[in-house]
PDB file of N, CA and C in Angstrom:
ATOM      1  N   MET A   1     -15.658  55.154 -32.093  1.00  0.00           N
ATOM      2  CA  MET A   1     -15.158  53.807 -31.616  1.00  0.00           C
ATOM      3  C   MET A   1     -16.132  53.404 -30.517  1.00  0.00           C
ATOM      4  N   ALA A   2     -16.386  54.233 -29.373  1.00  0.00           N
ATOM      5  CA  ALA A   2     -17.123  53.896 -28.273  1.00  0.00           C
ATOM      6  C   ALA A   2     -18.480  53.656 -28.770  1.00  0.00           C
ATOM      7  N   PHE A   3     -19.187  54.538 -29.624  1.00  0.00           N
ATOM      8  CA  PHE A   3     -20.293  54.265 -30.174  1.00  0.00           C
ATOM      9  C   PHE A   3     -20.698  53.029 -30.864  1.00  0.00           C
ATOM     10  N   ALA A   4     -19.548  52.761 -31.769  1.00  0.00           N
ATOM     11  CA  ALA A   4     -19.840  51.451 -32.367  1.00  0.00           C
ATOM     12  C   ALA A   4     -19.624  50.301 -31.469  1.00  0.00           C
ATOM     13  N   LEU A   5     -18.842  50.188 -30.366  1.00  0.00           N
ATOM     14  CA  LEU A   5     -18.742  49.177 -29.398  1.00  0.00           C
ATOM     15  C   LEU A   5     -20.284  49.126 -28.631  1.00  0.00           C
ATOM     16  N   VAL A   6     -20.652  50.191 -28.306  1.00  0.00           N
ATOM     17  CA  VAL A   6     -21.950  50.337 -27.738  1.00  0.00           C
ATOM     18  C   VAL A   6     -23.103  49.551 -28.612  1.00  0.00           C
ATOM     19  N   ILE A   7     -23.166  49.896 -29.854  1.00  0.00           N
ATOM     20  CA  ILE A   7     -24.056  49.448 -30.831  1.00  0.00           C
ATOM     21  C   ILE A   7     -23.859  47.939 -31.089  1.00  0.00           C
ATOM     22  N   ALA A   8     -22.704  47.520 -31.226  1.00  0.00           N
ATOM     23  CA  ALA A   8     -22.260  46.079 -31.257  1.00  0.00           C
ATOM     24  C   ALA A   8     -22.952  45.218 -30.131  1.00  0.00           C
ATOM     25  N   ARG A   9     -22.495  45.905 -28.867  1.00  0.00           N
ATOM     26  CA  ARG A   9     -22.900  45.089 -27.725  1.00  0.00           C
ATOM     27  C   ARG A   9     -24.587  44.873 -27.582  1.00  0.00           C
ATOM     28  N   ILE A  10     -25.228  45.962 -27.955  1.00  0.00           N
ATOM     29  CA  ILE A  10     -26.821  45.912 -28.167  1.00  0.00           C
ATOM     30  C   ILE A  10     -27.210  44.684 -29.196  1.00  0.00           C
ATOM     31  N   CYS A  11     -26.582  44.772 -30.427  1.00  0.00           N
ATOM     32  CA  CYS A  11     -27.137  44.002 -31.479  1.00  0.00           C
ATOM     33  C   CYS A  11     -26.704  42.600 -31.221  1.00  0.00           C
ATOM     34  N   LYS A  12     -25.409  42.207 -30.755  1.00  0.00           N
ATOM     35  CA  LYS A  12     -24.883  41.006 -30.770  1.00  0.00           C
ATOM     36  C   LYS A  12     -23.880  41.061 -29.880  1.00  0.00           C
ATOM     37  N   PRO A  13     -24.204  40.852 -28.418  1.00  0.00           N
ATOM     38  CA  PRO A  13     -23.206  40.896 -27.373  1.00  0.00           C
ATOM     39  C   PRO A  13     -21.980  39.786 -27.591  1.00  0.00           C
ATOM     40  N   GLY A  14     -20.954  40.124 -27.401  1.00  0.00           N
ATOM     41  CA  GLY A  14     -19.899  39.145 -27.409  1.00  0.00           C
ATOM     42  C   GLY A  14     -18.349  39.691 -26.972  1.00  0.00           C
ATOM     43  N   SER A  15     -17.340  39.088 -27.310  1.00  0.00           N
ATOM     44  CA  SER A  15     -15.973  39.510 -26.960  1.00  0.00           C
ATOM     45  C   SER A  15     -15.652  40.741 -27.925  1.00  0.00           C
ATOM     46  N   LYS A  16     -14.662  41.336 -27.390  1.00  0.00           N
ATOM     47  CA  LYS A  16     -14.062  42.249 -28.394  1.00  0.00           C
ATOM     48  C   LYS A  16     -13.538  41.660 -29.814  1.00  0.00           C
ATOM     49  N   LEU A  17     -13.046  40.518 -29.744  1.00  0.00           N
ATOM     50  CA  LEU A  17     -12.555  39.802 -31.128  1.00  0.00           C
ATOM     51  C   LEU A  17     -13.917  39.441 -31.713  1.00  0.00           C
ATOM     52  N   ALA A  18     -14.925  39.021 -31.044  1.00  0.00           N
ATOM     53  CA  ALA A  18     -16.187  38.686 -31.858  1.00  0.00           C
ATOM     54  C   ALA A  18     -16.774  40.056 -32.461  1.00  0.00           C
ATOM     55  N   THR A  19     -16.570  41.225 -31.707  1.00  0.00           N
ATOM     56  CA  THR A  19     -17.036  42.508 -32.291  1.00  0.00           C
ATOM     57  C   THR A  19     -16.344  42.671 -33.631  1.00  0.00           C
ATOM     58  N   LEU A  20     -15.084  42.537 -33.703  1.00  0.00           N
ATOM     59  CA  LEU A  20     -14.479  42.651 -34.932  1.00  0.00           C
ATOM     60  C   LEU A  20     -14.954  41.774 -36.117  1.00  0.00           C
ATOM     61  N   HIS A  21     -15.043  40.606 -35.745  1.00  0.00           N
ATOM     62  CA  HIS A  21     -15.635  39.793 -36.722  1.00  0.00           C
ATOM     63  C   HIS A  21     -17.004  40.226 -37.240  1.00  0.00           C
ATOM     64  N   LEU A  22     -17.882  40.688 -36.163  1.00  0.00           N
ATOM     65  CA  LEU A  22     -19.270  41.022 -36.658  1.00  0.00           C
ATOM     66  C   LEU A  22     -19.098  42.180 -37.485  1.00  0.00           C
ATOM     67  N   TRP A  23     -18.109  43.169 -37.468  1.00  0.00           N
ATOM     68  CA  TRP A  23     -17.937  44.402 -38.343  1.00  0.00           C
ATOM     69  C   TRP A  23     -17.730  43.782 -39.580  1.00  0.00           C
ATOM     70  N   LYS A  24     -17.082  42.749 -39.927  1.00  0.00           N
ATOM     71  CA  LYS A  24     -16.726  42.173 -41.154  1.00  0.00           C
ATOM     72  C   LYS A  24     -18.124  41.798 -42.010  1.00  0.00           C
ATOM     73  N   ASP A  25     -18.991  41.432 -41.177  1.00  0.00           N
ATOM     74  CA  ASP A  25     -20.268  40.655 -41.641  1.00  0.00           C
ATOM     75  C   ASP A  25     -21.226  41.881 -41.633  1.00  0.00           C
ATOM     76  N   THR A  26     -21.151  42.959 -41.345  1.00  0.00           N
ATOM     77  CA  THR A  26     -22.217  44.128 -41.252  1.00  0.00           C
ATOM     78  C   THR A  26     -21.492  45.322 -41.857  1.00  0.00           C
ATOM     79  N   THR A  27     -22.413  46.503 -42.056  1.00  0.00           N
ATOM     80  CA  THR A  27     -21.911  47.702 -42.509  1.00  0.00           C
ATOM     81  C   THR A  27     -21.652  48.764 -41.233  1.00  0.00           C
ATOM     82  N   LEU A  28     -21.646  48.082 -40.224  1.00  0.00           N
ATOM     83  CA  LEU A  28     -21.496  49.039 -38.963  1.00  0.00           C
ATOM     84  C   LEU A  28     -20.175  49.755 -38.995  1.00  0.00           C
ATOM     85  N   ALA A  29     -19.072  49.010 -39.185  1.00  0.00           N
ATOM     86  CA  ALA A  29     -17.780  49.637 -39.191  1.00  0.00           C
ATOM     87  C   ALA A  29     -17.634  50.629 -40.270  1.00  0.00           C
ATOM     88  N   VAL A  30     -18.070  50.229 -41.472  1.00  0.00           N
ATOM     89  CA  VAL A  30     -17.953  51.065 -42.716  1.00  0.00           C
ATOM     90  C   VAL A  30     -18.717  52.355 -42.548  1.00  0.00           C
ATOM     91  N   ASP A  31     -20.125  52.255 -41.856  1.00  0.00           N
ATOM     92  CA  ASP A  31     -20.863  53.322 -41.669  1.00  0.00           C
ATOM     93  C   ASP A  31     -20.253  54.431 -40.713  1.00  0.00           C
ATOM     94  N   LEU A  32     -19.650  53.895 -39.873  1.00  0.00           N
ATOM     95  CA  LEU A  32     -19.047  54.724 -38.631  1.00  0.00           C
ATOM     96  C   LEU A  32     -17.586  55.050 -39.032  1.00  0.00           C
ATOM     97  N   GLY A  33     -17.090  54.726 -40.003  1.00  0.00           N
ATOM     98  CA  GLY A  33     -15.661  55.022 -40.557  1.00  0.00           C
ATOM     99  C   GLY A  33     -14.566  54.172 -39.830  1.00  0.00           C
ATOM    100  N   LEU A  34     -14.927  52.928 -39.353  1.00  0.00           N
ATOM    101  CA  LEU A  34     -14.104  52.055 -38.700  1.00  0.00           C
ATOM    102  C   LEU A  34     -13.719  50.783 -39.352  1.00  0.00           C
ATOM    103  N   ALA A  35     -13.805  50.891 -40.584  1.00  0.00           N
ATOM    104  CA  ALA A  35     -13.532  49.646 -41.444  1.00  0.00           C
ATOM    105  C   ALA A  35     -12.112  48.983 -41.209  1.00  0.00           C
ATOM    106  N   GLY A  36     -11.129  49.770 -40.952  1.00  0.00           N
ATOM    107  CA  GLY A  36      -9.823  49.447 -40.713  1.00  0.00           C
ATOM    108  C   GLY A  36      -9.530  49.125 -39.353  1.00  0.00           C
ATOM    109  N   ALA A  37     -10.364  48.991 -38.563  1.00  0.00           N
ATOM    110  CA  ALA A  37     -10.059  49.032 -36.977  1.00  0.00           C
ATOM    111  C   ALA A  37      -9.360  47.631 -36.746  1.00  0.00           C
ATOM    112  N   SER A  38      -8.612  47.619 -35.695  1.00  0.00           N
ATOM    113  CA  SER A  38      -7.853  46.664 -35.150  1.00  0.00           C
ATOM    114  C   SER A  38      -8.070  46.049 -33.785  1.00  0.00           C
ATOM    115  N   THR A  39      -7.697  45.114 -33.374  1.00  0.00           N
ATOM    116  CA  THR A  39      -7.963  44.749 -31.925  1.00  0.00           C
ATOM    117  C   THR A  39      -7.475  45.890 -30.999  1.00  0.00           C
ATOM    118  N   HIS A  40      -6.303  46.408 -31.396  1.00  0.00           N
ATOM    119  CA  HIS A  40      -5.808  47.372 -30.375  1.00  0.00           C
ATOM    120  C   HIS A  40      -6.695  48.751 -30.521  1.00  0.00           C
ATOM    121  N   ASP A  41      -7.247  49.024 -31.657  1.00  0.00           N
ATOM    122  CA  ASP A  41      -8.172  50.053 -31.734  1.00  0.00           C
ATOM    123  C   ASP A  41      -9.498  49.729 -30.821  1.00  0.00           C
ATOM    124  N   VAL A  42     -10.010  48.666 -30.846  1.00  0.00           N
ATOM    125  CA  VAL A  42     -11.162  48.245 -30.003  1.00  0.00           C
ATOM    126  C   VAL A  42     -10.754  48.312 -28.452  1.00  0.00           C
ATOM    127  N   TYR A  43      -9.479  47.787 -28.103  1.00  0.00           N
ATOM    128  CA  TYR A  43      -9.069  47.922 -26.651  1.00  0.00           C
ATOM    129  C   TYR A  43      -8.813  49.427 -26.328  1.00  0.00           C
ATOM    130  N   ALA A  44      -8.382  50.180 -27.122  1.00  0.00           N
ATOM    131  CA  ALA A  44      -8.181  51.630 -26.932  1.00  0.00           C
ATOM    132  C   ALA A  44      -9.646  52.317 -26.679  1.00  0.00           C
ATOM    133  N   GLY A  45     -10.691  52.000 -27.301  1.00  0.00           N
ATOM    134  CA  GLY A  45     -12.023  52.497 -27.198  1.00  0.00           C
ATOM    135  C   GLY A  45     -12.499  52.057 -25.850  1.00  0.00           C
ATOM    136  N   MET A  46     -12.315  50.706 -25.682  1.00  0.00           N
ATOM    137  CA  MET A  46     -12.857  50.220 -24.219  1.00  0.00           C
ATOM    138  C   MET A  46     -12.061  50.876 -22.991  1.00  0.00           C
ATOM    139  N   ASP A  47     -10.855  51.229 -23.284  1.00  0.00           N
ATOM    140  CA  ASP A  47      -9.990  51.960 -22.414  1.00  0.00           C
ATOM    141  C   ASP A  47     -10.577  53.434 -22.013  1.00  0.00           C
ATOM    142  N   TRP A  48     -10.971  53.944 -23.217  1.00  0.00           N
ATOM    143  CA  TRP A  48     -11.492  55.395 -23.299  1.00  0.00           C
ATOM    144  C   TRP A  48     -12.862  55.268 -22.441  1.00  0.00           C
ATOM    145  N   LEU A  49     -13.676  54.320 -22.706  1.00  0.00           N
ATOM    146  CA  LEU A  49     -14.908  54.339 -21.981  1.00  0.00           C
ATOM    147  C   LEU A  49     -14.802  53.944 -20.546  1.00  0.00           C
ATOM    148  N   ALA A  50     -13.910  52.985 -20.104  1.00  0.00           N
ATOM    149  CA  ALA A  50     -13.532  52.746 -18.925  1.00  0.00           C
ATOM    150  C   ALA A  50     -13.130  54.058 -17.965  1.00  0.00           C
ATOM    151  N   ALA A  51     -12.189  54.799 -18.560  1.00  0.00           N
ATOM    152  CA  ALA A  51     -11.844  55.991 -17.909  1.00  0.00           C
ATOM    153  C   ALA A  51     -12.968  57.045 -17.626  1.00  0.00           C
ATOM    154  N   ARG A  52     -14.012  57.013 -18.200  1.00  0.00           N
ATOM    155  CA  ARG A  52     -15.050  57.757 -18.011  1.00  0.00           C
ATOM    156  C   ARG A  52     -16.290  57.126 -17.479  1.00  0.00           C
ATOM    157  N   GLN A  53     -16.261  55.829 -17.124  1.00  0.00           N
ATOM    158  CA  GLN A  53     -17.195  55.118 -16.585  1.00  0.00           C
ATOM    159  C   GLN A  53     -18.010  55.612 -15.525  1.00  0.00           C
ATOM    160  N   GLU A  54     -17.295  56.191 -14.464  1.00  0.00           N
ATOM    161  CA  GLU A  54     -17.958  56.835 -13.302  1.00  0.00           C
ATOM    162  C   GLU A  54     -18.955  57.967 -13.601  1.00  0.00           C
ATOM    163  N   GLY A  55     -18.353  58.866 -14.652  1.00  0.00           N
ATOM    164  CA  GLY A  55     -19.146  59.929 -15.112  1.00  0.00           C
ATOM    165  C   GLY A  55     -20.390  59.665 -15.865  1.00  0.00           C
ATOM    166  N   ILE A  56     -20.139  58.653 -16.876  1.00  0.00           N
ATOM    167  CA  ILE A  56     -21.041  58.197 -17.787  1.00  0.00           C
ATOM    168  C   ILE A  56     -22.140  57.537 -16.753  1.00  0.00           C
ATOM    169  N   GLU A  57     -21.865  56.765 -15.618  1.00  0.00           N
ATOM    170  CA  GLU A  57     -23.014  56.290 -14.653  1.00  0.00           C
ATOM    171  C   GLU A  57     -23.788  57.343 -13.976  1.00  0.00           C
ATOM    172  N   LYS A  58     -23.123  58.424 -13.582  1.00  0.00           N
ATOM    173  CA  LYS A  58     -23.656  59.359 -12.724  1.00  0.00           C
ATOM    174  C   LYS A  58     -24.610  60.150 -13.701  1.00  0.00           C
ATOM    175  N   LYS A  59     -24.465  60.329 -14.947  1.00  0.00           N
ATOM    176  CA  LYS A  59     -25.144  61.153 -15.698  1.00  0.00           C
ATOM    177  C   LYS A  59     -26.504  60.063 -16.218  1.00  0.00           C
ATOM    178  N   LEU A  60     -26.236  58.697 -16.293  1.00  0.00           N
ATOM    179  CA  LEU A  60     -27.370  58.076 -16.639  1.00  0.00           C
ATOM    180  C   LEU A  60     -28.218  57.777 -15.500  1.00  0.00           C
ATOM    181  N   ALA A  61     -27.772  57.903 -14.264  1.00  0.00           N
ATOM    182  CA  ALA A  61     -28.382  57.715 -13.092  1.00  0.00           C
ATOM    183  C   ALA A  61     -29.384  58.889 -12.748  1.00  0.00           C
ATOM    184  N   ALA A  62     -28.827  60.018 -12.986  1.00  0.00           N
ATOM    185  CA  ALA A  62     -29.335  61.342 -12.825  1.00  0.00           C
ATOM    186  C   ALA A  62     -30.529  61.473 -13.913  1.00  0.00           C
ATOM    187  N   ARG A  63     -30.476  61.012 -15.090  1.00  0.00           N
ATOM    188  CA  ARG A  63     -31.369  61.211 -16.132  1.00  0.00           C
ATOM    189  C   ARG A  63     -32.586  60.154 -15.754  1.00  0.00           C
ATOM    190  N   HIS A  64     -32.228  58.872 -15.482  1.00  0.00           N
ATOM    191  CA  HIS A  64     -33.235  57.781 -15.419  1.00  0.00           C
ATOM    192  C   HIS A  64     -33.864  57.640 -13.975  1.00  0.00           C
ATOM    193  N   LEU A  65     -33.029  58.040 -12.980  1.00  0.00           N
ATOM    194  CA  LEU A  65     -33.700  57.691 -11.723  1.00  0.00           C
ATOM    195  C   LEU A  65     -34.156  59.066 -10.895  1.00  0.00           C
ATOM    196  N   ASN A  66     -34.315  59.948 -11.797  1.00  0.00           N
ATOM    197  CA  ASN A  66     -34.657  61.365 -11.045  1.00  0.00           C
ATOM    198  C   ASN A  66     -36.307  61.064 -10.867  1.00  0.00           C
ATOM    199  N   PRO A  67     -36.856  61.681  -9.880  1.00  0.00           N
ATOM    200  CA  PRO A  67     -38.391  61.407  -9.416  1.00  0.00           C
ATOM    201  C   PRO A  67     -39.268  61.808 -10.700  1.00  0.00           C
ATOM    202  N   GLU A  68     -39.022  62.644 -11.622  1.00  0.00           N
ATOM    203  CA  GLU A  68     -39.997  63.024 -12.589  1.00  0.00           C
ATOM    204  C   GLU A  68     -39.872  61.814 -13.753  1.00  0.00           C
ATOM    205  N   ALA A  69     -38.648  61.322 -14.089  1.00  0.00           N
ATOM    206  CA  ALA A  69     -38.732  60.278 -15.145  1.00  0.00           C
ATOM    207  C   ALA A  69     -38.985  58.860 -14.681  1.00  0.00           C
ATOM    208  N   ASN A  70     -38.672  58.776 -13.281  1.00  0.00           N
ATOM    209  CA  ASN A  70     -38.941  57.313 -12.558  1.00  0.00           C
ATOM    210  C   ASN A  70     -39.194  57.462 -11.078  1.00  0.00           C
ATOM    211  N   PRO A  71     -40.644  57.862 -10.945  1.00  0.00           N
ATOM    212  CA  PRO A  71     -41.020  58.181  -9.749  1.00  0.00           C
ATOM    213  C   PRO A  71     -40.689  56.996  -8.454  1.00  0.00           C
ATOM    214  N   ASP A  72     -40.716  55.754  -8.900  1.00  0.00           N
ATOM    215  CA  ASP A  72     -40.512  54.689  -8.123  1.00  0.00           C
ATOM    216  C   ASP A  72     -39.024  54.195  -7.942  1.00  0.00           C
ATOM    217  N   ARG A  73     -38.152  55.126  -8.729  1.00  0.00           N
ATOM    218  CA  ARG A  73     -36.619  54.879  -8.568  1.00  0.00           C
ATOM    219  C   ARG A  73     -36.216  53.379  -8.918  1.00  0.00           C
ATOM    220  N   LEU A  74     -37.011  52.736  -9.798  1.00  0.00           N
ATOM    221  CA  LEU A  74     -36.661  51.479 -10.303  1.00  0.00           C
ATOM    222  C   LEU A  74     -35.652  51.181 -11.202  1.00  0.00           C
ATOM    223  N   ALA A  75     -34.699  50.417 -10.914  1.00  0.00           N
ATOM    224  CA  ALA A  75     -33.497  50.176 -11.870  1.00  0.00           C
ATOM    225  C   ALA A  75     -33.266  48.544 -11.912  1.00  0.00           C
ATOM    226  N   LEU A  76     -33.174  48.221 -13.156  1.00  0.00           N
ATOM    227  CA  LEU A  76     -33.050  46.691 -13.433  1.00  0.00           C
ATOM    228  C   LEU A  76     -31.612  46.573 -13.764  1.00  0.00           C
ATOM    229  N   PHE A  77     -30.876  45.591 -13.202  1.00  0.00           N
ATOM    230  CA  PHE A  77     -29.578  45.386 -13.783  1.00  0.00           C
ATOM    231  C   PHE A  77     -29.468  43.882 -14.217  1.00  0.00           C
ATOM    232  N   ASP A  78     -28.497  43.925 -15.176  1.00  0.00           N
ATOM    233  CA  ASP A  78     -28.197  42.575 -15.951  1.00  0.00           C
ATOM    234  C   ASP A  78     -26.942  41.882 -15.202  1.00  0.00           C
ATOM    235  N   LEU A  79     -27.231  40.885 -14.688  1.00  0.00           N
ATOM    236  CA  LEU A  79     -26.265  40.214 -13.858  1.00  0.00           C
ATOM    237  C   LEU A  79     -25.802  38.927 -14.577  1.00  0.00           C
ATOM    238  N   SER A  80     -26.235  38.812 -15.827  1.00  0.00           N
ATOM    239  CA  SER A  80     -25.986  37.432 -16.612  1.00  0.00           C
ATOM    240  C   SER A  80     -24.681  37.121 -16.619  1.00  0.00           C
ATOM    241  N   SER A  81     -23.693  38.043 -16.638  1.00  0.00           N
ATOM    242  CA  SER A  81     -22.217  37.778 -16.904  1.00  0.00           C
ATOM    243  C   SER A  81     -21.370  37.841 -15.497  1.00  0.00           C
ATOM    244  N   SER A  82     -22.139  38.138 -14.509  1.00  0.00           N
ATOM    245  CA  SER A  82     -21.594  38.081 -13.123  1.00  0.00           C
ATOM    246  C   SER A  82     -21.203  36.820 -12.581  1.00  0.00           C
TER     247      SER A  82
END
């Protein structure tokens, strides 16, 4: 579910409800075994991600902000929904 939510956000950002509608128009849900997913399932997936957010952010920062991968330690942030 988390992988599908990330893919959906990249391909067509929108609300959780819009994500469910997107899945009806694409093969993403079928390809990932989520064809019968409900709004509750999507919220559960978001809760799962939220519970792991700090660890995910730390791993991404370690990977992308280390001196070898990014000597200038440049990071860009999307603030469009802030």
